[in-house]
Amino acid sequence: MLNKRKRIPEAELDIMLIIWRENRRMTRAEIEAQINQQRPLAATTVLTFLARLTERGFLSVEKIGKTNYYSVQISQAEYLRQESRYFLEKLYGGSAMRLITSLYEDHALTGKELSELQDFINRTASGM
């Protein structure tokens, strides 16, 4: 777990999403090939993003021969939990109910999602 809350900027988050999805160590070239399918980035930009992510502890790098291999140091689930807590505190005063009410009133939740949420609440409540 990160000691201090660190956020990943959007452009760098795209790189993390690729590595999380692949669930393996990756080279800059492999990452670049995938990110360029979304939006073209220069190799130097990708290297800059990888260096920043490594410096901030999101990635580690291992040099094998002349190739650097990048691996995640924080799981996607851990990062999502951290960001969710921050988001909930910052925008909704820590109230999950205010968040859900906002989503409901904005019609952002489908009937299926509401049903899944109710099922989750029922399962969780019965497990307490």
C-alpha atoms as a PDB file:
ATOM      1  CA  MET A   1       0.000   0.000   0.000  1.00  0.00           C
ATOM      2  CA  LEU A   2       1.216   3.488  -0.736  1.00  0.00           C
ATOM      3  CA  ASN A   3       2.184   5.417   2.368  1.00  0.00           C
ATOM      4  CA  LYS A   4       1.111   8.736   0.969  1.00  0.00           C
ATOM      5  CA  ARG A   5      -1.748   9.185  -1.465  1.00  0.00           C
ATOM      6  CA  LYS A   6      -0.324   9.460  -4.943  1.00  0.00           C
ATOM      7  CA  ARG A   7      -2.355  10.041  -8.046  1.00  0.00           C
ATOM      8  CA  ILE A   8      -1.547   8.939 -11.545  1.00  0.00           C
ATOM      9  CA  PRO A   9      -2.112  11.624 -14.202  1.00  0.00           C
ATOM     10  CA  GLU A  10      -4.443  10.565 -17.027  1.00  0.00           C
ATOM     11  CA  ALA A  11      -1.757  10.096 -19.703  1.00  0.00           C
ATOM     12  CA  GLU A  12       0.310   7.932 -17.361  1.00  0.00           C
ATOM     13  CA  LEU A  13      -2.794   6.083 -16.220  1.00  0.00           C
ATOM     14  CA  ASP A  14      -3.248   4.864 -19.805  1.00  0.00           C
ATOM     15  CA  ILE A  15       0.139   3.167 -19.505  1.00  0.00           C
ATOM     16  CA  MET A  16      -0.731   1.636 -16.138  1.00  0.00           C
ATOM     17  CA  LEU A  17      -4.027   0.325 -17.541  1.00  0.00           C
ATOM     18  CA  ILE A  18      -2.122  -1.472 -20.295  1.00  0.00           C
ATOM     19  CA  ILE A  19       0.315  -3.114 -17.884  1.00  0.00           C
ATOM     20  CA  TRP A  20      -2.476  -4.020 -15.432  1.00  0.00           C
ATOM     21  CA  ARG A  21      -4.505  -5.549 -18.274  1.00  0.00           C
ATOM     22  CA  GLU A  22      -1.539  -7.550 -19.600  1.00  0.00           C
ATOM     23  CA  ASN A  23      -0.640  -8.665 -16.059  1.00  0.00           C
ATOM     24  CA  ARG A  24       3.039  -9.189 -16.909  1.00  0.00           C
ATOM     25  CA  ARG A  25       6.265  -7.247 -17.164  1.00  0.00           C
ATOM     26  CA  MET A  26       6.495  -5.326 -20.404  1.00  0.00           C
ATOM     27  CA  THR A  27       9.048  -3.490 -22.508  1.00  0.00           C
ATOM     28  CA  ARG A  28       8.705   0.113 -23.602  1.00  0.00           C
ATOM     29  CA  ALA A  29       8.167  -1.066 -27.180  1.00  0.00           C
ATOM     30  CA  GLU A  30       5.295  -3.373 -26.157  1.00  0.00           C
ATOM     31  CA  ILE A  31       3.654  -0.606 -24.138  1.00  0.00           C
ATOM     32  CA  GLU A  32       4.175   1.916 -26.913  1.00  0.00           C
ATOM     33  CA  ALA A  33       2.627  -0.398 -29.519  1.00  0.00           C
ATOM     34  CA  GLN A  34      -0.532  -0.726 -27.424  1.00  0.00           C
ATOM     35  CA  ILE A  35      -0.810   2.920 -26.420  1.00  0.00           C
ATOM     36  CA  ASN A  36      -0.383   4.004 -30.038  1.00  0.00           C
ATOM     37  CA  GLN A  37      -3.567   2.086 -30.873  1.00  0.00           C
ATOM     38  CA  GLN A  38      -5.396   4.550 -28.587  1.00  0.00           C
ATOM     39  CA  ARG A  39      -3.429   7.692 -29.427  1.00  0.00           C
ATOM     40  CA  PRO A  40      -0.008   8.212 -30.943  1.00  0.00           C
ATOM     41  CA  LEU A  41       2.793   9.096 -28.518  1.00  0.00           C
ATOM     42  CA  ALA A  42       6.465   9.613 -29.294  1.00  0.00           C
ATOM     43  CA  ALA A  43       8.850   7.020 -27.879  1.00  0.00           C
ATOM     44  CA  THR A  44      10.481   9.749 -25.779  1.00  0.00           C
ATOM     45  CA  THR A  45       7.094  10.637 -24.252  1.00  0.00           C
ATOM     46  CA  VAL A  46       6.419   7.014 -23.350  1.00  0.00           C
ATOM     47  CA  LEU A  47       9.894   6.791 -21.791  1.00  0.00           C
ATOM     48  CA  THR A  48       9.231   9.971 -19.790  1.00  0.00           C
ATOM     49  CA  PHE A  49       5.927   8.572 -18.496  1.00  0.00           C
ATOM     50  CA  LEU A  50       7.585   5.256 -17.590  1.00  0.00           C
ATOM     51  CA  ALA A  51      10.378   7.083 -15.743  1.00  0.00           C
ATOM     52  CA  ARG A  52       7.845   9.161 -13.779  1.00  0.00           C
ATOM     53  CA  LEU A  53       5.789   6.092 -12.861  1.00  0.00           C
ATOM     54  CA  THR A  54       8.959   4.329 -11.739  1.00  0.00           C
ATOM     55  CA  GLU A  55      10.185   7.317  -9.696  1.00  0.00           C
ATOM     56  CA  ARG A  56       6.843   7.546  -7.906  1.00  0.00           C
ATOM     57  CA  GLY A  57       6.802   3.832  -7.094  1.00  0.00           C
ATOM     58  CA  PHE A  58       3.990   2.672  -9.373  1.00  0.00           C
ATOM     59  CA  LEU A  59       6.364   0.645 -11.546  1.00  0.00           C
ATOM     60  CA  SER A  60       9.688  -1.075 -11.102  1.00  0.00           C
ATOM     61  CA  VAL A  61      12.190  -1.530 -13.885  1.00  0.00           C
ATOM     62  CA  GLU A  62      14.560  -4.428 -14.485  1.00  0.00           C
ATOM     63  CA  LYS A  63      17.268  -4.192 -17.118  1.00  0.00           C
ATOM     64  CA  ILE A  64      17.996  -7.444 -18.932  1.00  0.00           C
ATOM     65  CA  GLY A  65      20.662  -6.978 -21.558  1.00  0.00           C
ATOM     66  CA  LYS A  66      19.804  -3.729 -23.283  1.00  0.00           C
ATOM     67  CA  THR A  67      16.081  -3.974 -22.590  1.00  0.00           C
ATOM     68  CA  ASN A  68      14.157  -2.499 -19.675  1.00  0.00           C
ATOM     69  CA  TYR A  69      11.199  -4.496 -18.383  1.00  0.00           C
ATOM     70  CA  TYR A  70       8.516  -2.642 -16.422  1.00  0.00           C
ATOM     71  CA  SER A  71       6.385  -4.293 -13.735  1.00  0.00           C
ATOM     72  CA  VAL A  72       3.604  -2.910 -11.554  1.00  0.00           C
ATOM     73  CA  GLN A  73       4.287  -2.203  -7.894  1.00  0.00           C
ATOM     74  CA  ILE A  74       0.690  -1.402  -6.964  1.00  0.00           C
ATOM     75  CA  SER A  75      -2.230  -3.544  -8.064  1.00  0.00           C
ATOM     76  CA  GLN A  76      -5.085  -2.023  -9.994  1.00  0.00           C
ATOM     77  CA  ALA A  77      -7.464  -3.024  -7.190  1.00  0.00           C
ATOM     78  CA  GLU A  78      -5.314  -1.270  -4.582  1.00  0.00           C
ATOM     79  CA  TYR A  79      -5.102   1.884  -6.693  1.00  0.00           C
ATOM     80  CA  LEU A  80      -8.862   1.854  -7.323  1.00  0.00           C
ATOM     81  CA  ARG A  81      -9.556   1.505  -3.588  1.00  0.00           C
ATOM     82  CA  GLN A  82      -7.264   4.431  -2.858  1.00  0.00           C
ATOM     83  CA  GLU A  83      -8.806   6.616  -5.558  1.00  0.00           C
ATOM     84  CA  SER A  84     -12.346   5.634  -4.539  1.00  0.00           C
ATOM     85  CA  ARG A  85     -11.714   6.662  -0.936  1.00  0.00           C
ATOM     86  CA  TYR A  86     -10.247   9.987  -2.067  1.00  0.00           C
ATOM     87  CA  PHE A  87     -13.109  10.622  -4.504  1.00  0.00           C
ATOM     88  CA  LEU A  88     -15.739   9.778  -1.902  1.00  0.00           C
ATOM     89  CA  GLU A  89     -14.124  11.994   0.747  1.00  0.00           C
ATOM     90  CA  LYS A  90     -13.347  14.927  -1.552  1.00  0.00           C
ATOM     91  CA  LEU A  91     -16.608  15.139  -3.491  1.00  0.00           C
ATOM     92  CA  TYR A  92     -19.202  13.513  -1.232  1.00  0.00           C
ATOM     93  CA  GLY A  93     -17.912  14.217   2.267  1.00  0.00           C
ATOM     94  CA  GLY A  94     -17.264  10.512   2.768  1.00  0.00           C
ATOM     95  CA  SER A  95     -20.917   9.595   2.189  1.00  0.00           C
ATOM     96  CA  ALA A  96     -21.479   6.638  -0.132  1.00  0.00           C
ATOM     97  CA  MET A  97     -25.195   7.342   0.119  1.00  0.00           C
ATOM     98  CA  ARG A  98     -24.697  10.841  -1.344  1.00  0.00           C
ATOM     99  CA  LEU A  99     -22.712   9.340  -4.224  1.00  0.00           C
ATOM    100  CA  ILE A 100     -25.354   6.696  -4.967  1.00  0.00           C
ATOM    101  CA  THR A 101     -28.152   9.270  -4.669  1.00  0.00           C
ATOM    102  CA  SER A 102     -26.329  11.506  -7.144  1.00  0.00           C
ATOM    103  CA  LEU A 103     -25.897   8.632  -9.606  1.00  0.00           C
ATOM    104  CA  TYR A 104     -29.529   7.617  -9.208  1.00  0.00           C
ATOM    105  CA  GLU A 105     -30.892  11.139  -9.658  1.00  0.00           C
ATOM    106  CA  ASP A 106     -28.716  11.625 -12.744  1.00  0.00           C
ATOM    107  CA  HIS A 107     -30.083   8.341 -14.186  1.00  0.00           C
ATOM    108  CA  ALA A 108     -26.489   7.093 -14.360  1.00  0.00           C
ATOM    109  CA  LEU A 109     -27.507   3.720 -12.878  1.00  0.00           C
ATOM    110  CA  THR A 110     -29.421   1.249 -14.983  1.00  0.00           C
ATOM    111  CA  GLY A 111     -32.168  -0.933 -13.562  1.00  0.00           C
ATOM    112  CA  LYS A 112     -29.804  -3.904 -13.798  1.00  0.00           C
ATOM    113  CA  GLU A 113     -27.121  -2.030 -11.838  1.00  0.00           C
ATOM    114  CA  LEU A 114     -29.645  -1.039  -9.175  1.00  0.00           C
ATOM    115  CA  SER A 115     -30.695  -4.675  -8.895  1.00  0.00           C
ATOM    116  CA  GLU A 116     -27.046  -5.778  -8.615  1.00  0.00           C
ATOM    117  CA  LEU A 117     -26.475  -3.127  -5.943  1.00  0.00           C
ATOM    118  CA  GLN A 118     -29.494  -4.378  -3.998  1.00  0.00           C
ATOM    119  CA  ASP A 119     -28.238  -7.960  -4.268  1.00  0.00           C
ATOM    120  CA  PHE A 120     -24.812  -6.850  -3.035  1.00  0.00           C
ATOM    121  CA  ILE A 121     -26.345  -5.021  -0.082  1.00  0.00           C
ATOM    122  CA  ASN A 122     -28.466  -8.054   0.792  1.00  0.00           C
ATOM    123  CA  ARG A 123     -25.463 -10.433   0.613  1.00  0.00           C
ATOM    124  CA  THR A 124     -23.273  -8.080   2.623  1.00  0.00           C
ATOM    125  CA  ALA A 125     -25.926  -7.429   5.265  1.00  0.00           C
ATOM    126  CA  SER A 126     -26.587 -11.129   5.737  1.00  0.00           C
ATOM    127  CA  GLY A 127     -22.859 -11.765   6.195  1.00  0.00           C
ATOM    128  CA  MET A 128     -22.538  -9.288   9.071  1.00  0.00           C
END
